[in-house]
């Protein structure tokens, strides 16, 4: 049986299942390509930004680091560091004390990390859904194909291959198509989830280093401020 003959034997329900799986496959491939491009861009820009950030941590100019971060809008490390430094500069210009500045900077860092994680996760839920549901959609097509095979037997009054081949072929194609759609989605979801964990560790490390750089200075001697610093640093290390 040729492919054209197979399509000719596909009923409306089987065709609907195959069209649904084809649409899911197109969406899945598009999302995989888009996430791969975005993650690669984030990694590349972060690698470019890290030397500037390291220079700032060792006494470099804040303005230089701010300008570099703004040139790397897709870098998760740059955006987290930028949020913390801008909040620190704003609190310092407003004349706030060290304890309140520490709380503001910590809050800005946490908000920035949460926002970056949301941006990085966008679309991964769709891949997970496709990976988990595509085999069941294919199984539904399998059931429809078997039903068509039995309808062929009922129509001809015999169980020869000519009567059941169309329905059996439809069932097998639906099953194979469901698995074909699900495997890339599951593999890509696991791959991108691993990348997300790496990005989260890098953001936690950058925020911890930034807090150390901005607030762990000799002239800060207030016990309450020091206690707040230790609390923030413990939370950052625990998150790592």
Protein backbone atom coordinates (compact mmCIF):
# COMPACT_ATOMS: atom_id res chain seq x y z
CA UNK A 1 0.00 0.00 0.00
CA UNK A 2 1.43 3.33 -1.06
CA UNK A 3 1.35 6.45 1.06
CA UNK A 4 -1.31 8.03 -1.16
CA UNK A 5 -3.46 4.91 -0.82
CA UNK A 6 -3.01 5.06 2.95
CA UNK A 7 -4.17 8.67 3.07
CA UNK A 8 -7.14 7.69 0.93
CA UNK A 9 -8.20 5.11 3.52
CA UNK A 10 -7.82 7.48 6.48
CA UNK A 11 -11.16 8.44 7.97
CA UNK A 12 -12.08 11.91 9.27
CA UNK A 13 -11.16 11.10 12.87
CA UNK A 14 -7.82 9.62 11.89
CA UNK A 15 -7.08 12.63 9.69
CA UNK A 16 -7.93 14.96 12.57
CA UNK A 17 -5.55 13.08 14.87
CA UNK A 18 -2.72 13.22 12.32
CA UNK A 19 -3.28 16.93 11.66
CA UNK A 20 -3.23 17.60 15.41
CA UNK A 21 0.04 15.71 15.80
CA UNK A 22 1.53 17.51 12.80
CA UNK A 23 0.60 20.90 14.32
CA UNK A 24 2.13 19.88 17.66
CA UNK A 25 5.27 18.78 15.85
CA UNK A 26 5.61 22.15 14.09
CA UNK A 27 5.08 24.03 17.37
CA UNK A 28 7.56 21.78 19.18
CA UNK A 29 10.28 22.23 16.56
CA UNK A 30 9.75 25.99 16.52
CA UNK A 31 9.96 26.20 20.31
CA UNK A 32 13.09 24.02 20.41
CA UNK A 33 14.85 26.21 17.85
CA UNK A 34 13.79 29.40 19.64
CA UNK A 35 14.88 28.20 23.11
CA UNK A 36 18.18 26.93 21.73
CA UNK A 37 18.86 30.32 20.16
CA UNK A 38 17.88 32.23 23.31
CA UNK A 39 19.87 30.00 25.66
CA UNK A 40 22.94 30.16 23.42
CA UNK A 41 22.65 33.95 23.26
CA UNK A 42 22.30 34.19 27.04
CA UNK A 43 25.36 32.01 27.55
CA UNK A 44 27.42 33.94 25.01
CA UNK A 45 26.53 37.37 26.44
CA UNK A 46 27.15 36.17 30.00
CA UNK A 47 30.62 34.94 29.07
CA UNK A 48 31.35 38.35 27.55
CA UNK A 49 30.00 40.21 30.59
CA UNK A 50 31.72 38.17 33.32
CA UNK A 51 35.19 39.76 32.91
CA UNK A 52 33.65 43.23 33.37
CA UNK A 53 31.71 42.01 36.39
CA UNK A 54 34.85 40.47 37.87
CA UNK A 55 36.69 43.75 37.37
CA UNK A 56 33.93 45.57 39.25
CA UNK A 57 34.10 43.10 42.13
CA UNK A 58 37.81 43.87 42.48
CA UNK A 59 37.35 47.63 42.71
CA UNK A 60 36.26 48.63 39.22
CA UNK A 61 33.91 51.47 38.35
CA UNK A 62 30.20 50.85 38.83
CA UNK A 63 29.30 52.94 35.77
CA UNK A 64 31.47 50.77 33.54
CA UNK A 65 29.72 47.66 34.79
CA UNK A 66 26.28 49.26 34.35
CA UNK A 67 27.04 50.21 30.75
CA UNK A 68 28.35 46.71 30.00
CA UNK A 69 25.23 45.10 31.53
CA UNK A 70 22.96 47.28 29.40
CA UNK A 71 24.80 46.11 26.29
CA UNK A 72 23.98 42.49 27.18
CA UNK A 73 20.20 42.45 27.71
CA UNK A 74 19.93 38.70 27.15
CA UNK A 75 22.55 37.80 29.78
CA UNK A 76 20.97 36.48 32.98
CA UNK A 77 24.08 37.36 34.99
CA UNK A 78 24.24 40.90 33.59
CA UNK A 79 20.59 41.65 34.31
CA UNK A 80 20.79 40.39 37.89
CA UNK A 81 23.97 42.38 38.58
CA UNK A 82 22.47 45.46 36.94
CA UNK A 83 19.35 45.32 39.11
CA UNK A 84 21.43 45.05 42.29
CA UNK A 85 23.85 47.85 41.44
CA UNK A 86 21.14 50.24 40.30
CA UNK A 87 19.20 49.65 43.51
CA UNK A 88 22.35 50.18 45.55
CA UNK A 89 23.22 53.40 43.75
CA UNK A 90 19.67 54.69 44.19
CA UNK A 91 19.65 53.90 47.91
CA UNK A 92 23.05 55.50 48.38
CA UNK A 93 22.01 58.70 46.60
CA UNK A 94 18.85 58.82 48.73
CA UNK A 95 21.01 58.71 51.86
CA UNK A 96 19.70 55.42 53.23
CA UNK A 97 21.57 53.53 55.94
CA UNK A 98 23.43 50.30 55.28
CA UNK A 99 20.79 48.01 56.76
CA UNK A 100 17.94 49.40 54.66
CA UNK A 101 20.16 49.48 51.57
CA UNK A 102 21.04 45.83 52.10
CA UNK A 103 17.38 44.88 52.26
CA UNK A 104 16.55 46.88 49.13
CA UNK A 105 19.44 45.42 47.15
CA UNK A 106 18.60 41.88 48.28
CA UNK A 107 14.97 42.36 47.28
CA UNK A 108 16.00 43.75 43.88
CA UNK A 109 18.32 40.79 43.29
CA UNK A 110 15.63 38.26 44.18
CA UNK A 111 13.06 39.99 41.96
CA UNK A 112 15.51 40.11 39.06
CA UNK A 113 16.37 36.43 39.42
CA UNK A 114 12.71 35.48 39.52
CA UNK A 115 11.99 37.58 36.42
CA UNK A 116 14.90 36.07 34.49
CA UNK A 117 13.82 32.55 35.44
CA UNK A 118 10.31 33.29 34.18
CA UNK A 119 11.71 34.51 30.88
CA UNK A 120 13.97 31.49 30.52
CA UNK A 121 11.16 29.05 31.39
CA UNK A 122 8.72 30.56 28.92
CA UNK A 123 7.66 27.87 26.46
CA UNK A 124 9.10 24.92 28.37
CA UNK A 125 5.68 24.08 29.76
CA UNK A 126 4.43 23.64 26.21
CA UNK A 127 7.25 21.21 25.43
CA UNK A 128 6.48 19.22 28.58
CA UNK A 129 2.80 19.09 27.67
CA UNK A 130 3.55 17.92 24.12
CA UNK A 131 5.98 15.29 25.36
CA UNK A 132 3.43 13.85 27.77
CA UNK A 133 0.27 14.05 25.63
CA UNK A 134 1.47 13.27 22.08
CA UNK A 135 1.72 9.48 22.70
CA UNK A 136 -1.85 9.45 24.02
CA UNK A 137 -3.08 11.39 21.00
CA UNK A 138 -1.30 8.81 18.83
CA UNK A 139 -2.94 6.07 20.88
CA UNK A 140 -6.31 7.62 20.18
CA UNK A 141 -5.47 7.46 16.47
CA UNK A 142 -4.51 3.82 16.96
CA UNK A 143 -7.91 3.05 18.44
CA UNK A 144 -9.63 4.88 15.58
CA UNK A 145 -7.58 2.87 13.06
CA UNK A 146 -8.53 -0.42 14.70
CA UNK A 147 -12.17 0.62 14.64
CA UNK A 148 -11.86 1.34 10.92
CA UNK A 149 -10.30 -2.09 10.43
CA UNK A 150 -13.28 -3.77 12.10
CA UNK A 151 -15.64 -1.62 10.05
CA UNK A 152 -13.85 -2.93 6.94
CA UNK A 153 -14.39 -6.49 8.13
CA UNK A 154 -18.06 -5.76 8.76
CA UNK A 155 -18.47 -4.16 5.36
CA UNK A 156 -16.86 -7.01 3.38
CA UNK A 157 -17.94 -9.87 5.58
CA UNK A 158 -14.41 -11.29 5.63
CA UNK A 159 -11.20 -10.72 7.58
CA UNK A 160 -8.80 -10.66 4.67
CA UNK A 161 -5.89 -8.24 4.45
CA UNK A 162 -7.69 -6.12 1.90
CA UNK A 163 -10.42 -5.40 4.43
CA UNK A 164 -8.22 -4.55 7.40
CA UNK A 165 -4.99 -3.21 5.87
CA UNK A 166 -6.22 0.39 5.62
CA UNK A 167 -7.33 0.57 9.26
CA UNK A 168 -4.25 -1.25 10.57
CA UNK A 169 -1.94 1.02 8.58
CA UNK A 170 -3.77 4.09 9.89
CA UNK A 171 -3.42 2.81 13.45
CA UNK A 172 0.32 2.13 13.12
CA UNK A 173 1.01 5.48 11.48
CA UNK A 174 -0.85 7.34 14.23
CA UNK A 175 1.13 5.48 16.90
CA UNK A 176 4.46 6.15 15.20
CA UNK A 177 3.61 9.80 14.63
CA UNK A 178 2.68 10.28 18.30
CA UNK A 179 6.01 8.79 19.45
CA UNK A 180 7.90 10.78 16.80
CA UNK A 181 6.42 14.03 18.13
CA UNK A 182 6.91 13.18 21.81
CA UNK A 183 10.57 12.08 21.83
CA UNK A 184 12.16 15.39 20.67
CA UNK A 185 9.91 17.35 23.02
CA UNK A 186 10.88 15.27 26.06
CA UNK A 187 14.59 15.24 25.22
CA UNK A 188 14.64 19.00 24.60
CA UNK A 189 12.67 19.73 27.78
CA UNK A 190 15.18 17.78 29.88
CA UNK A 191 18.09 19.47 28.09
CA UNK A 192 16.73 22.98 28.64
CA UNK A 193 15.85 22.20 32.26
CA UNK A 194 19.49 21.28 32.88
CA UNK A 195 20.55 24.57 31.29
CA UNK A 196 18.10 26.41 33.54
CA UNK A 197 19.68 24.89 36.63
CA UNK A 198 23.09 26.07 35.46
CA UNK A 199 21.78 29.59 34.82
CA UNK A 200 20.16 29.67 38.25
CA UNK A 201 23.42 28.69 39.93
CA UNK A 202 25.24 31.44 38.02
CA UNK A 203 22.67 34.05 39.06
CA UNK A 204 22.84 32.97 42.70
CA UNK A 205 26.63 33.14 42.61
CA UNK A 206 26.59 36.60 41.01
CA UNK A 207 24.10 37.96 43.55
CA UNK A 208 26.14 36.55 46.45
CA UNK A 209 29.35 38.07 45.08
CA UNK A 210 27.63 41.40 44.54
CA UNK A 211 26.31 41.53 48.10
CA UNK A 212 29.80 40.69 49.40
CA UNK A 213 31.32 43.43 47.27
CA UNK A 214 28.82 46.15 48.15
CA UNK A 215 28.30 45.56 51.86
CA UNK A 216 31.12 43.49 53.32
CA UNK A 217 33.39 46.46 54.09
CA UNK A 218 35.44 47.24 57.24
CA UNK A 219 33.61 50.44 58.17
CA UNK A 220 30.33 48.61 58.65
CA UNK A 221 30.44 47.78 62.33
CA UNK A 222 26.78 47.86 63.35
CA UNK A 223 25.94 44.39 64.74
CA UNK A 224 22.44 44.50 63.24
CA UNK A 225 23.85 45.28 59.80
CA UNK A 226 26.36 42.47 60.09
CA UNK A 227 23.62 40.07 61.17
CA UNK A 228 21.54 41.08 58.17
CA UNK A 229 24.53 40.56 55.88
CA UNK A 230 25.19 37.08 57.26
CA UNK A 231 21.51 36.19 56.85
CA UNK A 232 21.52 37.29 53.21
CA UNK A 233 24.76 35.47 52.46
CA UNK A 234 23.51 32.27 54.10
CA UNK A 235 20.32 32.42 52.03
CA UNK A 236 22.33 32.98 48.84
CA UNK A 237 24.65 30.06 49.58
CA UNK A 238 21.70 27.83 50.50
CA UNK A 239 20.02 28.67 47.19
CA UNK A 240 23.15 27.51 45.38
